[in-house]
Amino acid sequence: MAKLRAAGRPRPEDGPAGAIGLYIHLPFCLAKCAYCDFDSLPLSAAGGEEGARRYLDCLGVELDLRAASREFRGAPVDTVYLGGGTPTVLPAEWLVEVLARVRRRFDCSSCAEVTVEANPATVEGEELAALREAGVTRISLGVQSLCEEVLRTLGRAHSAEEARAAMALVQEAGGLALGVDLIYGAPGQSAADWRSTLEEVAARGPEHISVYALSVEEGTPLAGMIERGDLPAPDDDLCAEMYETAREVLCGAGYEHYEISNFARPGCECRHNRRYWAGDEYLGIGCSAHSHRGGVRWNNAAGPEA
């Protein structure tokens, strides 16, 4: 475990009172996307549900130990974020169990936001209802694009129609804010494709839209295809144009541009992510998760095996 202490700020000694955000990393997904450099792997490669269950057991122990530690004992939690990977590749009842354990170990009485990341191919109405009943308030949906060619290039495990259906399901579930993640700058993605995706997503009225420039990470299949000349590298000038298009379309549709990559309906900003930008404190549970407390930053070891 790597640690870095900020100068001039002491470590809390006993039951600090400051509120924290809680991030829980669930590294399992349907398939590894071609561009993905996150600590994630297909559920099948992790031993299926049996392997995931072992990971959740260990994650629960880590949660218990952190809740009893001097850094976090007594700290209220005001945001919870289940990320990955794709948490919804696991049964909804397992995610409900994780959230119940959080509430047993931490004071969540002031918790105003609970987010779960999802892939469009893993969204079902009954599971959304179960998550809502367990206190989930936001679904962050990895749509990325509504252009089939772009989805194929990115190696996404869903189609544009599945993305449309998933957005509709979340909105029809009631009581859940919808966040949509989009990617621009993919090889072969045109300015027209990008504008079309932005306009259609904005017209659906989700509470939150994130737009991320594609980052080509060394060692990923996408990087290999670009190095071999099978795909063109992202064009910086086109990416800059696409970013300005996002600002034009989304701000024109009534969204507020509150962070570099994030747009939200007024009052619908992601509170958990704002903690990172503001330098606030948070606890990360699970492989590769990062924490910040008392002027100290650290990260967990990578890989669910560890």
Protein backbone atom coordinates (compact mmCIF):
# COMPACT_ATOMS: atom_id res chain seq x y z
CA MET A 1 0.00 0.00 0.00
CA ALA A 2 1.52 3.29 -1.12
CA LYS A 3 1.10 6.36 1.07
CA LEU A 4 1.84 10.02 0.55
CA ARG A 5 1.48 12.53 3.34
CA ALA A 6 0.76 16.17 2.63
CA ALA A 7 3.04 18.54 4.53
CA GLY A 8 1.73 20.29 7.61
CA ARG A 9 -1.45 18.26 8.13
CA PRO A 10 -1.51 15.72 10.97
CA ARG A 11 -3.09 12.32 10.81
CA PRO A 12 -6.36 12.15 12.79
CA GLU A 13 -5.91 10.18 15.97
CA ASP A 14 -9.28 9.00 17.20
CA GLY A 15 -12.66 9.10 15.56
CA PRO A 16 -12.41 12.17 13.34
CA ALA A 17 -15.76 13.87 12.85
CA GLY A 18 -15.38 15.15 9.28
CA ALA A 19 -17.73 13.62 6.72
CA ILE A 20 -16.24 11.40 4.03
CA GLY A 21 -17.20 10.00 0.68
CA LEU A 22 -17.03 6.22 0.32
CA TYR A 23 -15.91 4.61 -2.94
CA ILE A 24 -16.23 0.83 -3.41
CA HIS A 25 -14.45 -0.75 -6.38
CA LEU A 26 -16.14 -3.74 -8.02
CA PRO A 27 -13.76 -4.73 -10.83
CA PHE A 28 -15.97 -7.18 -12.71
CA CYS A 29 -17.48 -6.47 -16.14
CA LEU A 30 -19.05 -8.26 -19.10
CA ALA A 31 -15.97 -7.83 -21.29
CA LYS A 32 -12.79 -5.77 -21.24
CA CYS A 33 -13.21 -2.76 -23.55
CA ALA A 34 -10.46 -2.15 -26.09
CA TYR A 35 -9.48 1.21 -24.55
CA CYS A 36 -9.83 0.29 -20.86
CA ASP A 37 -6.83 0.64 -18.56
CA PHE A 38 -8.84 0.48 -15.32
CA ASP A 39 -8.41 -2.28 -12.75
CA SER A 40 -11.17 -4.45 -14.16
CA LEU A 41 -11.64 -7.83 -15.82
CA PRO A 42 -14.46 -9.93 -17.27
CA LEU A 43 -16.45 -11.74 -14.61
CA SER A 44 -15.70 -15.03 -16.35
CA ALA A 45 -11.94 -14.42 -16.00
CA ALA A 46 -12.35 -13.82 -12.27
CA GLY A 47 -13.89 -17.22 -11.63
CA GLY A 48 -17.49 -16.23 -12.32
CA GLU A 49 -19.89 -15.51 -9.50
CA GLU A 50 -17.93 -17.78 -7.14
CA GLY A 51 -14.81 -15.65 -7.62
CA ALA A 52 -16.82 -12.46 -7.25
CA ARG A 53 -18.35 -13.76 -4.04
CA ARG A 54 -14.88 -14.38 -2.56
CA TYR A 55 -13.87 -10.84 -3.52
CA LEU A 56 -16.99 -9.39 -1.86
CA ASP A 57 -16.23 -11.35 1.32
CA CYS A 58 -12.74 -9.82 1.44
CA LEU A 59 -14.09 -6.41 0.58
CA GLY A 60 -16.45 -6.70 3.57
CA VAL A 61 -13.55 -7.46 5.88
CA GLU A 62 -11.66 -4.41 4.59
CA LEU A 63 -14.76 -2.30 5.15
CA ASP A 64 -15.02 -3.52 8.75
CA LEU A 65 -11.34 -2.84 9.45
CA ARG A 66 -11.44 0.67 8.00
CA ALA A 67 -14.61 1.51 9.91
CA ALA A 68 -12.83 0.53 13.14
CA SER A 69 -9.58 2.33 12.30
CA ARG A 70 -8.47 5.52 13.99
CA GLU A 71 -8.64 7.38 10.68
CA PHE A 72 -12.27 6.56 10.00
CA ARG A 73 -13.90 5.48 13.28
CA GLY A 74 -17.03 7.56 13.80
CA ALA A 75 -16.74 9.39 10.49
CA PRO A 76 -20.13 10.08 8.89
CA VAL A 77 -20.54 9.12 5.23
CA ASP A 78 -22.41 11.58 3.04
CA THR A 79 -21.83 10.05 -0.42
CA VAL A 80 -21.37 6.44 -1.59
CA TYR A 81 -20.17 5.43 -5.05
CA LEU A 82 -20.08 1.85 -6.36
CA GLY A 83 -17.78 1.85 -9.37
CA GLY A 84 -15.79 -0.55 -11.45
CA GLY A 85 -15.80 -2.47 -13.65
CA THR A 86 -19.53 -2.79 -13.93
CA PRO A 87 -21.16 -3.31 -10.52
CA THR A 88 -24.46 -4.29 -12.16
CA VAL A 89 -22.87 -7.37 -13.74
CA LEU A 90 -23.38 -8.81 -10.23
CA PRO A 91 -26.81 -9.75 -8.84
CA ALA A 92 -28.64 -6.75 -7.42
CA GLU A 93 -29.08 -8.48 -4.08
CA TRP A 94 -25.30 -8.65 -3.69
CA LEU A 95 -25.02 -4.89 -4.18
CA VAL A 96 -27.83 -4.43 -1.68
CA GLU A 97 -25.83 -6.53 0.82
CA VAL A 98 -22.77 -4.31 0.30
CA LEU A 99 -24.81 -1.18 0.97
CA ALA A 100 -26.39 -2.76 4.06
CA ARG A 101 -22.93 -3.54 5.44
CA VAL A 102 -21.87 0.06 4.82
CA ARG A 103 -24.84 1.27 6.86
CA ARG A 104 -24.03 -1.13 9.70
CA ARG A 105 -20.44 0.10 9.90
CA PHE A 106 -20.80 3.83 9.23
CA ASP A 107 -23.11 6.65 10.16
CA CYS A 108 -24.99 7.21 6.91
CA SER A 109 -27.78 9.34 8.37
CA SER A 110 -26.60 12.36 6.37
CA CYS A 111 -25.91 10.39 3.16
CA ALA A 112 -27.55 12.34 0.34
CA GLU A 113 -26.23 10.45 -2.67
CA VAL A 114 -25.62 6.78 -3.53
CA THR A 115 -24.39 6.08 -7.07
CA VAL A 116 -24.05 2.77 -8.91
CA GLU A 117 -22.24 2.51 -12.25
CA ALA A 118 -23.92 0.35 -14.89
CA ASN A 119 -23.44 -0.94 -18.43
CA PRO A 120 -26.51 -0.72 -20.71
CA ALA A 121 -26.40 -4.48 -21.28
CA THR A 122 -26.73 -5.14 -17.52
CA VAL A 123 -29.73 -2.92 -16.71
CA GLU A 124 -33.04 -4.57 -15.82
CA GLY A 125 -36.18 -3.07 -14.36
CA GLU A 126 -36.52 -5.39 -11.36
CA GLU A 127 -32.88 -4.91 -10.38
CA LEU A 128 -33.20 -1.13 -10.65
CA ALA A 129 -36.21 -1.28 -8.32
CA ALA A 130 -34.21 -3.34 -5.80
CA LEU A 131 -31.35 -0.84 -5.88
CA ARG A 132 -33.73 2.09 -5.44
CA GLU A 133 -35.33 0.40 -2.44
CA ALA A 134 -31.83 -0.08 -0.97
CA GLY A 135 -31.22 3.67 -1.08
CA VAL A 136 -29.50 4.12 -4.44
CA THR A 137 -30.22 7.60 -5.82
CA ARG A 138 -28.15 7.71 -9.04
CA ILE A 139 -27.32 5.35 -11.90
CA SER A 140 -24.22 6.27 -13.91
CA LEU A 141 -24.69 4.60 -17.30
CA GLY A 142 -21.71 3.94 -19.57
CA VAL A 143 -23.35 4.70 -22.91
CA GLN A 144 -20.17 6.13 -24.55
CA SER A 145 -21.82 6.55 -27.98
CA LEU A 146 -25.02 6.03 -29.92
CA CYS A 147 -23.07 5.24 -33.11
CA GLU A 148 -22.71 1.50 -33.72
CA GLU A 149 -19.36 1.86 -35.49
CA VAL A 150 -17.88 3.79 -32.57
CA LEU A 151 -19.16 1.23 -30.07
CA ARG A 152 -17.51 -1.55 -32.08
CA THR A 153 -14.21 0.35 -32.22
CA LEU A 154 -14.30 0.86 -28.44
CA GLY A 155 -15.12 -2.81 -27.87
CA ARG A 156 -18.28 -2.02 -25.91
CA ALA A 157 -20.48 -4.94 -24.87
CA HIS A 158 -23.72 -3.23 -25.90
CA SER A 159 -25.43 -1.79 -28.94
CA ALA A 160 -26.85 1.69 -29.45
CA GLU A 161 -30.37 0.29 -29.14
CA GLU A 162 -29.48 -1.36 -25.83
CA ALA A 163 -28.14 1.99 -24.63
CA ARG A 164 -31.39 3.73 -25.58
CA ALA A 165 -33.43 1.05 -23.85
CA ALA A 166 -31.29 1.25 -20.70
CA MET A 167 -31.64 5.03 -20.47
CA ALA A 168 -35.41 4.67 -20.78
CA LEU A 169 -35.50 1.94 -18.12
CA VAL A 170 -33.66 4.07 -15.57
CA GLN A 171 -35.92 7.04 -16.21
CA GLU A 172 -39.06 4.89 -16.05
CA ALA A 173 -37.95 3.30 -12.77
CA GLY A 174 -38.65 6.53 -10.90
CA GLY A 175 -36.65 7.91 -8.00
CA LEU A 176 -33.30 7.44 -9.75
CA ALA A 177 -31.26 10.23 -11.27
CA LEU A 178 -29.68 9.23 -14.57
CA GLY A 179 -26.07 10.04 -15.41
CA VAL A 180 -24.79 9.26 -18.91
CA ASP A 181 -21.09 8.85 -19.74
CA LEU A 182 -19.96 9.61 -23.30
CA ILE A 183 -16.58 9.35 -25.08
CA TYR A 184 -15.29 11.52 -27.90
CA GLY A 185 -12.16 11.28 -30.04
CA ALA A 186 -12.52 7.59 -30.90
CA PRO A 187 -10.75 6.48 -34.10
CA GLY A 188 -13.11 6.96 -37.02
CA GLN A 189 -15.63 8.99 -35.00
CA SER A 190 -16.80 11.98 -37.00
CA ALA A 191 -17.88 15.39 -35.75
CA ALA A 192 -21.36 14.61 -37.08
CA ASP A 193 -21.53 11.30 -35.16
CA TRP A 194 -20.55 13.09 -31.97
CA ARG A 195 -23.07 15.91 -32.38
CA SER A 196 -25.82 13.41 -33.14
CA THR A 197 -25.07 11.44 -29.94
CA LEU A 198 -24.96 14.60 -27.83
CA GLU A 199 -28.23 15.94 -29.20
CA GLU A 200 -30.09 12.67 -28.74
CA VAL A 201 -28.82 12.11 -25.20
CA ALA A 202 -29.59 15.71 -24.20
CA ALA A 203 -33.09 15.40 -25.65
CA ARG A 204 -33.71 12.46 -23.33
CA GLY A 205 -33.11 14.79 -20.38
CA PRO A 206 -30.80 12.84 -18.03
CA GLU A 207 -29.82 14.73 -14.90
CA HIS A 208 -26.09 14.43 -15.59
CA ILE A 209 -23.88 13.98 -18.66
CA SER A 210 -20.11 13.34 -18.60
CA VAL A 211 -18.01 13.74 -21.76
CA TYR A 212 -14.54 12.19 -21.72
CA ALA A 213 -11.82 12.51 -24.33
CA LEU A 214 -10.56 9.07 -25.34
CA SER A 215 -7.18 8.36 -23.78
CA VAL A 216 -5.06 5.78 -25.61
CA GLU A 217 -3.34 3.87 -22.81
CA GLU A 218 -0.19 1.83 -23.41
CA GLY A 219 -0.77 -1.90 -23.37
CA THR A 220 -4.47 -1.78 -24.27
CA PRO A 221 -5.80 -3.51 -27.40
CA LEU A 222 -6.75 -0.11 -28.81
CA ALA A 223 -3.18 1.15 -28.44
CA GLY A 224 -1.95 -1.96 -30.24
CA MET A 225 -4.33 -1.43 -33.14
CA ILE A 226 -3.18 2.19 -33.49
CA GLU A 227 0.51 1.21 -33.30
CA ARG A 228 0.00 -1.39 -36.06
CA GLY A 229 -1.77 1.14 -38.23
CA ASP A 230 -5.10 -0.72 -38.11
CA LEU A 231 -6.77 2.39 -36.68
CA PRO A 232 -5.89 6.09 -36.85
CA ALA A 233 -4.71 7.88 -33.71
CA PRO A 234 -7.12 10.42 -32.20
CA ASP A 235 -6.86 13.81 -33.91
CA ASP A 236 -6.13 16.54 -31.36
CA ASP A 237 -7.75 19.30 -33.38
CA LEU A 238 -10.89 17.24 -33.95
CA CYS A 239 -11.01 16.37 -30.23
CA ALA A 240 -10.84 20.08 -29.36
CA GLU A 241 -13.67 20.74 -31.80
CA MET A 242 -15.72 17.93 -30.25
CA TYR A 243 -15.19 19.36 -26.77
CA GLU A 244 -16.48 22.74 -27.91
CA THR A 245 -19.43 20.99 -29.56
CA ALA A 246 -20.27 19.35 -26.23
CA ARG A 247 -20.23 22.74 -24.52
CA GLU A 248 -22.41 24.25 -27.23
CA VAL A 249 -24.99 21.46 -27.35
CA LEU A 250 -25.26 20.71 -23.63
CA CYS A 251 -25.19 24.27 -22.33
CA GLY A 252 -27.69 25.13 -25.04
CA ALA A 253 -29.93 22.35 -23.71
CA GLY A 254 -29.91 23.81 -20.19
CA TYR A 255 -27.03 21.88 -18.63
CA GLU A 256 -24.49 23.63 -16.41
CA HIS A 257 -20.82 22.96 -17.17
CA TYR A 258 -19.64 22.54 -13.59
CA GLU A 259 -16.40 20.55 -14.09
CA ILE A 260 -14.06 19.99 -17.03
CA SER A 261 -15.88 16.89 -18.30
CA ASN A 262 -19.17 17.17 -16.43
CA PHE A 263 -22.51 18.80 -17.17
CA ALA A 264 -25.61 18.67 -15.00
CA ARG A 265 -29.11 19.98 -14.65
CA PRO A 266 -29.14 22.73 -11.99
CA GLY A 267 -28.80 21.07 -8.57
CA CYS A 268 -27.97 17.64 -10.04
CA GLU A 269 -24.17 17.73 -9.88
CA CYS A 270 -22.48 14.52 -8.72
CA ARG A 271 -21.65 15.30 -5.09
CA HIS A 272 -19.24 12.39 -4.75
CA ASN A 273 -17.06 13.40 -7.70
CA ARG A 274 -17.05 17.00 -6.50
CA ARG A 275 -15.30 15.78 -3.36
CA TYR A 276 -12.26 14.83 -5.44
CA TRP A 277 -12.12 18.20 -7.16
CA ALA A 278 -12.51 20.09 -3.88
CA GLY A 279 -9.75 18.13 -2.11
CA ASP A 280 -12.24 16.71 0.40
CA GLU A 281 -11.72 13.40 2.16
CA TYR A 282 -12.83 9.95 1.07
CA LEU A 283 -12.29 6.27 1.73
CA GLY A 284 -11.68 3.78 -1.08
CA ILE A 285 -12.48 0.09 -0.57
CA GLY A 286 -11.39 -2.68 -2.95
CA CYS A 287 -8.52 -3.21 -5.36
CA SER A 288 -6.76 -0.07 -6.63
CA ALA A 289 -9.12 2.16 -4.62
CA HIS A 290 -7.68 5.47 -3.43
CA SER A 291 -8.24 7.22 -0.09
CA HIS A 292 -7.55 10.68 1.33
CA ARG A 293 -7.71 11.39 5.06
CA GLY A 294 -5.92 13.74 7.43
CA GLY A 295 -3.49 15.00 4.80
CA VAL A 296 -2.51 11.46 3.75
CA ARG A 297 -3.29 9.88 0.39
CA TRP A 298 -2.90 6.17 -0.33
CA ASN A 299 -4.06 3.48 -2.74
CA ASN A 300 -4.79 -0.22 -2.38
CA ALA A 301 -2.91 -2.90 -4.29
CA ALA A 302 -4.12 -3.62 -7.82
CA GLY A 303 -5.97 -6.76 -8.84
CA PRO A 304 -8.85 -8.56 -7.12
CA GLU A 305 -6.53 -11.47 -6.24
CA ALA A 306 -4.57 -9.18 -3.88
